[in-house]
Amino acid sequence: MNPLLVFPDPPPPELTQCLDLGGWAWKAIDDPERAVSDEPDEGWAGAIVSADTDPDGAMGMCRRLRSGEMPLEPLLLLLGGAQLADLDSRYDLFDDFCLMPVRPAELEARLQHLFWRSGRGTRPELVEYGPLALNLETYQAVVDGQPLDLTYMEYELLKFLASSPGKVFTRETLLSRVWGYDYYGGARTVDVHVRRLRAKLGEKHAGLIHTVRSVGYRFGQSRWGI
């Protein structure tokens, strides 16, 4: 997927974090001329224009992106709540908008919808369950929009469990499926990694990984809700 054009340069930190965690390719641009000179050979995938700090510059960028022979789309506008009243006469300049400060879940949903509607891109491959999201392309994980600092094996264990919510796995199954059949560590290895994952998920979300007594572990709720 080609990069998204992002205005301004530098963009709001919360926006860059959301895009990076979502696995979106992007490049920050600070003026319309650079939008033309730095355009990839196959074109921009779309644009995200933040009007929160420089509304005049943002609208100027939107006009430039819409004025070419092939107007750039999709175009997502980010703005503050006080700017909503100014949008009535400008709906032709963007395809959708999102209020600042941007929330990861909302930004992801709006980008997915815009790309689905335009048919110009696909979302990164994710594993999602409630507040948890794992990006399978970038090996990043977030809970409630906050990044998790996971080791490789912690990520692999969490990905395996979260990919089959409600299913119970024995420690032996987890060892063979996550660590591999050639791994000679004992079941204690699984317990240690689960304990670390729970600590990193935090008190609020540690319960996502359930202990099933005398059996093993389950991620999320079972289909009976217990």
C-alpha atoms as a PDB file:
ATOM      1  CA  MET A   1       0.000   0.000   0.000  1.00  0.00           C
ATOM      2  CA  ASN A   2       1.340   3.459  -0.912  1.00  0.00           C
ATOM      3  CA  PRO A   3       1.860   5.956   1.924  1.00  0.00           C
ATOM      4  CA  LEU A   4      -0.783   8.315   3.218  1.00  0.00           C
ATOM      5  CA  LEU A   5      -0.077  12.014   2.860  1.00  0.00           C
ATOM      6  CA  VAL A   6      -0.173  13.574   6.340  1.00  0.00           C
ATOM      7  CA  PHE A   7      -0.362  17.343   6.981  1.00  0.00           C
ATOM      8  CA  PRO A   8       1.280  19.215   8.689  1.00  0.00           C
ATOM      9  CA  ASP A   9       4.943  18.353   9.179  1.00  0.00           C
ATOM     10  CA  PRO A  10       5.508  17.468  11.952  1.00  0.00           C
ATOM     11  CA  PRO A  11       2.047  15.998  12.523  1.00  0.00           C
ATOM     12  CA  PRO A  12       0.365  15.765  15.946  1.00  0.00           C
ATOM     13  CA  PRO A  13       2.176  13.121  18.052  1.00  0.00           C
ATOM     14  CA  GLU A  14      -1.041  11.296  18.902  1.00  0.00           C
ATOM     15  CA  LEU A  15      -1.792  10.951  15.179  1.00  0.00           C
ATOM     16  CA  THR A  16       1.614   9.481  14.353  1.00  0.00           C
ATOM     17  CA  GLN A  17       1.296   7.024  17.213  1.00  0.00           C
ATOM     18  CA  CYS A  18      -2.110   5.873  15.987  1.00  0.00           C
ATOM     19  CA  LEU A  19      -0.846   5.448  12.420  1.00  0.00           C
ATOM     20  CA  ASP A  20       2.310   3.594  13.469  1.00  0.00           C
ATOM     21  CA  LEU A  21       0.454   1.254  15.789  1.00  0.00           C
ATOM     22  CA  GLY A  22      -2.090   0.594  13.049  1.00  0.00           C
ATOM     23  CA  GLY A  23       0.655  -0.268  10.573  1.00  0.00           C
ATOM     24  CA  TRP A  24      -0.235   2.510   8.113  1.00  0.00           C
ATOM     25  CA  ALA A  25       2.496   3.820   5.840  1.00  0.00           C
ATOM     26  CA  TRP A  26       2.572   7.640   5.863  1.00  0.00           C
ATOM     27  CA  LYS A  27       4.684  10.672   5.049  1.00  0.00           C
ATOM     28  CA  ALA A  28       4.354  14.145   6.545  1.00  0.00           C
ATOM     29  CA  ILE A  29       4.113  17.103   4.144  1.00  0.00           C
ATOM     30  CA  ASP A  30       4.276  20.776   5.134  1.00  0.00           C
ATOM     31  CA  ASP A  31       3.031  22.537   1.984  1.00  0.00           C
ATOM     32  CA  PRO A  32       1.130  21.834  -1.274  1.00  0.00           C
ATOM     33  CA  GLU A  33       4.267  22.020  -3.409  1.00  0.00           C
ATOM     34  CA  ARG A  34       5.849  19.158  -1.513  1.00  0.00           C
ATOM     35  CA  ALA A  35       2.631  17.199  -1.855  1.00  0.00           C
ATOM     36  CA  VAL A  36       3.254  17.289  -5.613  1.00  0.00           C
ATOM     37  CA  SER A  37       7.047  16.907  -5.655  1.00  0.00           C
ATOM     38  CA  ASP A  38       7.140  14.069  -3.100  1.00  0.00           C
ATOM     39  CA  GLU A  39       4.196  12.131  -4.518  1.00  0.00           C
ATOM     40  CA  PRO A  40       5.082   8.435  -5.017  1.00  0.00           C
ATOM     41  CA  ASP A  41       5.133   7.068  -8.555  1.00  0.00           C
ATOM     42  CA  GLU A  42       1.827   5.281  -7.985  1.00  0.00           C
ATOM     43  CA  GLY A  43       0.310   8.229  -6.138  1.00  0.00           C
ATOM     44  CA  TRP A  44      -0.685   8.839  -2.552  1.00  0.00           C
ATOM     45  CA  ALA A  45      -2.961   6.243  -0.993  1.00  0.00           C
ATOM     46  CA  GLY A  46      -5.002   9.040   0.551  1.00  0.00           C
ATOM     47  CA  ALA A  47      -4.538  11.982   2.910  1.00  0.00           C
ATOM     48  CA  ILE A  48      -5.023  12.930   6.534  1.00  0.00           C
ATOM     49  CA  VAL A  49      -5.074  16.692   7.079  1.00  0.00           C
ATOM     50  CA  SER A  50      -5.029  18.115  10.593  1.00  0.00           C
ATOM     51  CA  ALA A  51      -6.702  21.512  10.920  1.00  0.00           C
ATOM     52  CA  ASP A  52      -6.421  21.717  14.691  1.00  0.00           C
ATOM     53  CA  THR A  53      -3.469  24.127  14.898  1.00  0.00           C
ATOM     54  CA  ASP A  54      -3.407  25.682  11.402  1.00  0.00           C
ATOM     55  CA  PRO A  55      -6.955  25.694   9.974  1.00  0.00           C
ATOM     56  CA  ASP A  56      -6.176  28.073   7.089  1.00  0.00           C
ATOM     57  CA  GLY A  57      -3.143  26.053   6.020  1.00  0.00           C
ATOM     58  CA  ALA A  58      -5.109  22.833   6.324  1.00  0.00           C
ATOM     59  CA  MET A  59      -7.972  24.084   4.155  1.00  0.00           C
ATOM     60  CA  GLY A  60      -5.460  25.363   1.627  1.00  0.00           C
ATOM     61  CA  MET A  61      -3.910  21.913   1.498  1.00  0.00           C
ATOM     62  CA  CYS A  62      -7.350  20.320   1.041  1.00  0.00           C
ATOM     63  CA  ARG A  63      -8.158  22.670  -1.848  1.00  0.00           C
ATOM     64  CA  ARG A  64      -4.852  21.851  -3.537  1.00  0.00           C
ATOM     65  CA  LEU A  65      -5.354  18.117  -3.124  1.00  0.00           C
ATOM     66  CA  ARG A  66      -8.860  18.391  -4.585  1.00  0.00           C
ATOM     67  CA  SER A  67      -7.956  20.694  -7.471  1.00  0.00           C
ATOM     68  CA  GLY A  68      -5.886  18.365  -9.657  1.00  0.00           C
ATOM     69  CA  GLU A  69      -7.024  16.446 -12.707  1.00  0.00           C
ATOM     70  CA  MET A  70      -7.457  13.419 -10.436  1.00  0.00           C
ATOM     71  CA  PRO A  71      -8.449  14.797  -7.005  1.00  0.00           C
ATOM     72  CA  LEU A  72      -6.863  12.888  -4.152  1.00  0.00           C
ATOM     73  CA  GLU A  73      -9.174  10.628  -2.174  1.00  0.00           C
ATOM     74  CA  PRO A  74      -9.942   9.474   0.392  1.00  0.00           C
ATOM     75  CA  LEU A  75      -9.215  12.582   2.432  1.00  0.00           C
ATOM     76  CA  LEU A  76      -9.774  12.583   6.192  1.00  0.00           C
ATOM     77  CA  LEU A  77      -9.894  15.930   8.006  1.00  0.00           C
ATOM     78  CA  LEU A  78      -8.938  16.221  11.697  1.00  0.00           C
ATOM     79  CA  LEU A  79     -10.252  19.244  13.555  1.00  0.00           C
ATOM     80  CA  GLY A  80     -11.101  20.634  16.969  1.00  0.00           C
ATOM     81  CA  GLY A  81     -14.647  20.786  18.290  1.00  0.00           C
ATOM     82  CA  ALA A  82     -14.752  24.580  17.972  1.00  0.00           C
ATOM     83  CA  GLN A  83     -14.212  24.256  14.198  1.00  0.00           C
ATOM     84  CA  LEU A  84     -17.340  22.205  13.538  1.00  0.00           C
ATOM     85  CA  ALA A  85     -19.424  25.291  12.802  1.00  0.00           C
ATOM     86  CA  ASP A  86     -17.113  26.222   9.906  1.00  0.00           C
ATOM     87  CA  LEU A  87     -17.639  22.983   7.969  1.00  0.00           C
ATOM     88  CA  ASP A  88     -20.997  23.717   6.338  1.00  0.00           C
ATOM     89  CA  SER A  89     -19.515  25.274   3.201  1.00  0.00           C
ATOM     90  CA  ARG A  90     -16.491  22.968   2.952  1.00  0.00           C
ATOM     91  CA  TYR A  91     -17.861  19.448   2.677  1.00  0.00           C
ATOM     92  CA  ASP A  92     -16.526  19.208  -0.870  1.00  0.00           C
ATOM     93  CA  LEU A  93     -12.956  19.432   0.466  1.00  0.00           C
ATOM     94  CA  PHE A  94     -12.894  16.141   2.415  1.00  0.00           C
ATOM     95  CA  ASP A  95     -14.562  12.719   2.591  1.00  0.00           C
ATOM     96  CA  ASP A  96     -14.881  12.404   6.356  1.00  0.00           C
ATOM     97  CA  PHE A  97     -13.709  14.139   9.517  1.00  0.00           C
ATOM     98  CA  CYS A  98     -12.554  13.151  12.982  1.00  0.00           C
ATOM     99  CA  LEU A  99     -12.369  15.266  16.123  1.00  0.00           C
ATOM    100  CA  MET A 100      -9.117  15.975  17.903  1.00  0.00           C
ATOM    101  CA  PRO A 101      -7.628  14.663  20.112  1.00  0.00           C
ATOM    102  CA  VAL A 102      -7.802  11.640  17.890  1.00  0.00           C
ATOM    103  CA  ARG A 103      -8.701   8.288  19.452  1.00  0.00           C
ATOM    104  CA  PRO A 104      -6.992   5.184  17.979  1.00  0.00           C
ATOM    105  CA  ALA A 105     -10.167   3.108  17.659  1.00  0.00           C
ATOM    106  CA  GLU A 106     -12.112   5.900  15.952  1.00  0.00           C
ATOM    107  CA  LEU A 107      -9.284   6.807  13.565  1.00  0.00           C
ATOM    108  CA  GLU A 108      -8.850   3.159  12.608  1.00  0.00           C
ATOM    109  CA  ALA A 109     -12.578   2.739  11.994  1.00  0.00           C
ATOM    110  CA  ARG A 110     -12.846   5.855   9.851  1.00  0.00           C
ATOM    111  CA  LEU A 111      -9.792   4.946   7.760  1.00  0.00           C
ATOM    112  CA  GLN A 112     -11.123   1.426   7.227  1.00  0.00           C
ATOM    113  CA  HIS A 113     -14.474   2.803   6.123  1.00  0.00           C
ATOM    114  CA  LEU A 114     -12.927   5.334   3.736  1.00  0.00           C
ATOM    115  CA  PHE A 115     -10.645   2.792   2.100  1.00  0.00           C
ATOM    116  CA  TRP A 116     -13.436   0.240   1.839  1.00  0.00           C
ATOM    117  CA  ARG A 117     -15.689   2.877   0.242  1.00  0.00           C
ATOM    118  CA  SER A 118     -13.027   4.039  -2.210  1.00  0.00           C
ATOM    119  CA  GLY A 119     -11.660   0.566  -2.938  1.00  0.00           C
ATOM    120  CA  ARG A 120      -8.133   1.996  -2.915  1.00  0.00           C
ATOM    121  CA  GLY A 121      -6.567   0.083  -0.073  1.00  0.00           C
ATOM    122  CA  THR A 122      -6.838  -2.576   2.568  1.00  0.00           C
ATOM    123  CA  ARG A 123      -6.406  -2.449   6.312  1.00  0.00           C
ATOM    124  CA  PRO A 124      -3.410  -4.073   8.028  1.00  0.00           C
ATOM    125  CA  GLU A 125      -4.024  -7.603   9.285  1.00  0.00           C
ATOM    126  CA  LEU A 126      -5.062  -7.359  12.920  1.00  0.00           C
ATOM    127  CA  VAL A 127      -6.126  -9.629  15.752  1.00  0.00           C
ATOM    128  CA  GLU A 128      -8.642  -7.740  17.887  1.00  0.00           C
ATOM    129  CA  TYR A 129     -10.523  -8.581  21.039  1.00  0.00           C
ATOM    130  CA  GLY A 130     -12.217  -5.886  23.093  1.00  0.00           C
ATOM    131  CA  PRO A 131      -9.565  -3.320  24.077  1.00  0.00           C
ATOM    132  CA  LEU A 132      -6.704  -5.395  22.649  1.00  0.00           C
ATOM    133  CA  ALA A 133      -5.323  -5.138  19.109  1.00  0.00           C
ATOM    134  CA  LEU A 134      -2.297  -6.905  17.640  1.00  0.00           C
ATOM    135  CA  ASN A 135      -0.834  -5.844  14.299  1.00  0.00           C
ATOM    136  CA  LEU A 136       0.437  -8.993  12.576  1.00  0.00           C
ATOM    137  CA  GLU A 137       2.512  -7.007  10.099  1.00  0.00           C
ATOM    138  CA  THR A 138       4.446  -4.812  12.526  1.00  0.00           C
ATOM    139  CA  TYR A 139       4.464  -7.063  15.621  1.00  0.00           C
ATOM    140  CA  GLN A 140       2.947  -4.276  17.701  1.00  0.00           C
ATOM    141  CA  ALA A 141       0.240  -4.602  20.315  1.00  0.00           C
ATOM    142  CA  VAL A 142      -1.972  -2.046  22.043  1.00  0.00           C
ATOM    143  CA  VAL A 143      -4.534  -2.207  24.817  1.00  0.00           C
ATOM    144  CA  ASP A 144      -6.966   0.688  25.212  1.00  0.00           C
ATOM    145  CA  GLY A 145      -4.869   2.485  22.581  1.00  0.00           C
ATOM    146  CA  GLN A 146      -1.689   2.243  24.658  1.00  0.00           C
ATOM    147  CA  PRO A 147       1.321   0.321  23.250  1.00  0.00           C
ATOM    148  CA  LEU A 148       2.508  -2.820  25.023  1.00  0.00           C
ATOM    149  CA  ASP A 149       6.254  -3.424  25.343  1.00  0.00           C
ATOM    150  CA  LEU A 150       6.371  -7.159  24.636  1.00  0.00           C
ATOM    151  CA  THR A 151       9.215  -9.545  23.976  1.00  0.00           C
ATOM    152  CA  TYR A 152       8.995 -11.719  20.879  1.00  0.00           C
ATOM    153  CA  MET A 153       7.730 -14.774  22.775  1.00  0.00           C
ATOM    154  CA  GLU A 154       5.286 -12.713  24.854  1.00  0.00           C
ATOM    155  CA  TYR A 155       3.841 -11.351  21.609  1.00  0.00           C
ATOM    156  CA  GLU A 156       3.660 -14.816  20.047  1.00  0.00           C
ATOM    157  CA  LEU A 157       1.897 -16.262  23.097  1.00  0.00           C
ATOM    158  CA  LEU A 158      -0.586 -13.394  23.268  1.00  0.00           C
ATOM    159  CA  LYS A 159      -1.253 -13.629  19.518  1.00  0.00           C
ATOM    160  CA  PHE A 160      -1.873 -17.380  19.736  1.00  0.00           C
ATOM    161  CA  LEU A 161      -4.260 -17.056  22.668  1.00  0.00           C
ATOM    162  CA  ALA A 162      -6.103 -14.009  21.284  1.00  0.00           C
ATOM    163  CA  SER A 163      -6.567 -15.701  17.908  1.00  0.00           C
ATOM    164  CA  SER A 164      -8.809 -18.329  19.538  1.00  0.00           C
ATOM    165  CA  PRO A 165     -10.834 -16.504  22.214  1.00  0.00           C
ATOM    166  CA  GLY A 166     -12.779 -18.748  24.551  1.00  0.00           C
ATOM    167  CA  LYS A 167     -10.714 -21.852  23.753  1.00  0.00           C
ATOM    168  CA  VAL A 168      -8.769 -23.566  26.539  1.00  0.00           C
ATOM    169  CA  PHE A 169      -5.179 -24.667  25.872  1.00  0.00           C
ATOM    170  CA  THR A 170      -3.071 -26.901  28.067  1.00  0.00           C
ATOM    171  CA  ARG A 171       0.426 -25.796  28.968  1.00  0.00           C
ATOM    172  CA  GLU A 172       1.819 -28.622  26.871  1.00  0.00           C
ATOM    173  CA  THR A 173      -0.188 -27.491  23.824  1.00  0.00           C
ATOM    174  CA  LEU A 174       1.011 -23.913  24.256  1.00  0.00           C
ATOM    175  CA  LEU A 175       4.616 -25.079  24.539  1.00  0.00           C
ATOM    176  CA  SER A 176       4.392 -27.072  21.314  1.00  0.00           C
ATOM    177  CA  ARG A 177       2.357 -24.517  19.328  1.00  0.00           C
ATOM    178  CA  VAL A 178       4.114 -21.316  20.451  1.00  0.00           C
ATOM    179  CA  TRP A 179       7.628 -22.410  21.386  1.00  0.00           C
ATOM    180  CA  GLY A 180       7.825 -25.342  18.969  1.00  0.00           C
ATOM    181  CA  TYR A 181       8.189 -29.075  19.279  1.00  0.00           C
ATOM    182  CA  ASP A 182      11.967 -28.785  19.614  1.00  0.00           C
ATOM    183  CA  TYR A 183      11.731 -26.633  22.732  1.00  0.00           C
ATOM    184  CA  TYR A 184      12.884 -28.494  25.844  1.00  0.00           C
ATOM    185  CA  GLY A 185      11.589 -26.097  28.505  1.00  0.00           C
ATOM    186  CA  GLY A 186       8.918 -27.200  30.946  1.00  0.00           C
ATOM    187  CA  ALA A 187       5.382 -26.011  31.587  1.00  0.00           C
ATOM    188  CA  ARG A 188       6.801 -23.466  34.018  1.00  0.00           C
ATOM    189  CA  THR A 189       7.868 -21.442  30.969  1.00  0.00           C
ATOM    190  CA  VAL A 190       4.224 -20.877  30.035  1.00  0.00           C
ATOM    191  CA  ASP A 191       3.300 -19.803  33.568  1.00  0.00           C
ATOM    192  CA  VAL A 192       6.139 -17.271  33.667  1.00  0.00           C
ATOM    193  CA  HIS A 193       5.152 -15.736  30.332  1.00  0.00           C
ATOM    194  CA  VAL A 194       1.486 -15.570  31.279  1.00  0.00           C
ATOM    195  CA  ARG A 195       2.394 -13.804  34.505  1.00  0.00           C
ATOM    196  CA  ARG A 196       4.479 -11.271  32.582  1.00  0.00           C
ATOM    197  CA  LEU A 197       1.711 -10.712  30.036  1.00  0.00           C
ATOM    198  CA  ARG A 198      -0.827 -10.078  32.764  1.00  0.00           C
ATOM    199  CA  ALA A 199       1.498  -7.560  34.395  1.00  0.00           C
ATOM    200  CA  LYS A 200       1.963  -5.720  31.093  1.00  0.00           C
ATOM    201  CA  LEU A 201      -1.755  -5.767  30.309  1.00  0.00           C
ATOM    202  CA  GLY A 202      -2.274  -4.023  33.631  1.00  0.00           C
ATOM    203  CA  GLU A 203      -4.688  -4.686  36.463  1.00  0.00           C
ATOM    204  CA  LYS A 204      -7.690  -3.607  34.390  1.00  0.00           C
ATOM    205  CA  HIS A 205      -7.062  -6.109  31.574  1.00  0.00           C
ATOM    206  CA  ALA A 206      -5.020  -8.871  33.236  1.00  0.00           C
ATOM    207  CA  GLY A 207      -8.216 -10.920  33.414  1.00  0.00           C
ATOM    208  CA  LEU A 208      -8.246 -11.294  29.635  1.00  0.00           C
ATOM    209  CA  ILE A 209      -6.048 -14.350  30.241  1.00  0.00           C
ATOM    210  CA  HIS A 210      -7.943 -16.804  32.447  1.00  0.00           C
ATOM    211  CA  THR A 211      -6.456 -19.697  34.369  1.00  0.00           C
ATOM    212  CA  VAL A 212      -8.475 -22.881  33.938  1.00  0.00           C
ATOM    213  CA  ARG A 213      -7.657 -24.913  37.020  1.00  0.00           C
ATOM    214  CA  SER A 214      -5.845 -28.211  36.406  1.00  0.00           C
ATOM    215  CA  VAL A 215      -5.962 -27.608  32.640  1.00  0.00           C
ATOM    216  CA  GLY A 216      -4.241 -24.481  31.333  1.00  0.00           C
ATOM    217  CA  TYR A 217      -5.240 -21.070  30.022  1.00  0.00           C
ATOM    218  CA  ARG A 218      -8.040 -19.407  28.088  1.00  0.00           C
ATOM    219  CA  PHE A 219      -8.134 -15.970  26.478  1.00  0.00           C
ATOM    220  CA  GLY A 220     -11.358 -13.989  26.791  1.00  0.00           C
ATOM    221  CA  GLN A 221     -14.784 -15.332  27.597  1.00  0.00           C
ATOM    222  CA  SER A 222     -15.981 -18.820  26.796  1.00  0.00           C
ATOM    223  CA  ARG A 223     -19.155 -19.130  24.774  1.00  0.00           C
ATOM    224  CA  TRP A 224     -21.011 -19.776  28.057  1.00  0.00           C
ATOM    225  CA  GLY A 225     -19.821 -16.397  29.382  1.00  0.00           C
ATOM    226  CA  ILE A 226     -17.772 -17.801  32.274  1.00  0.00           C
END
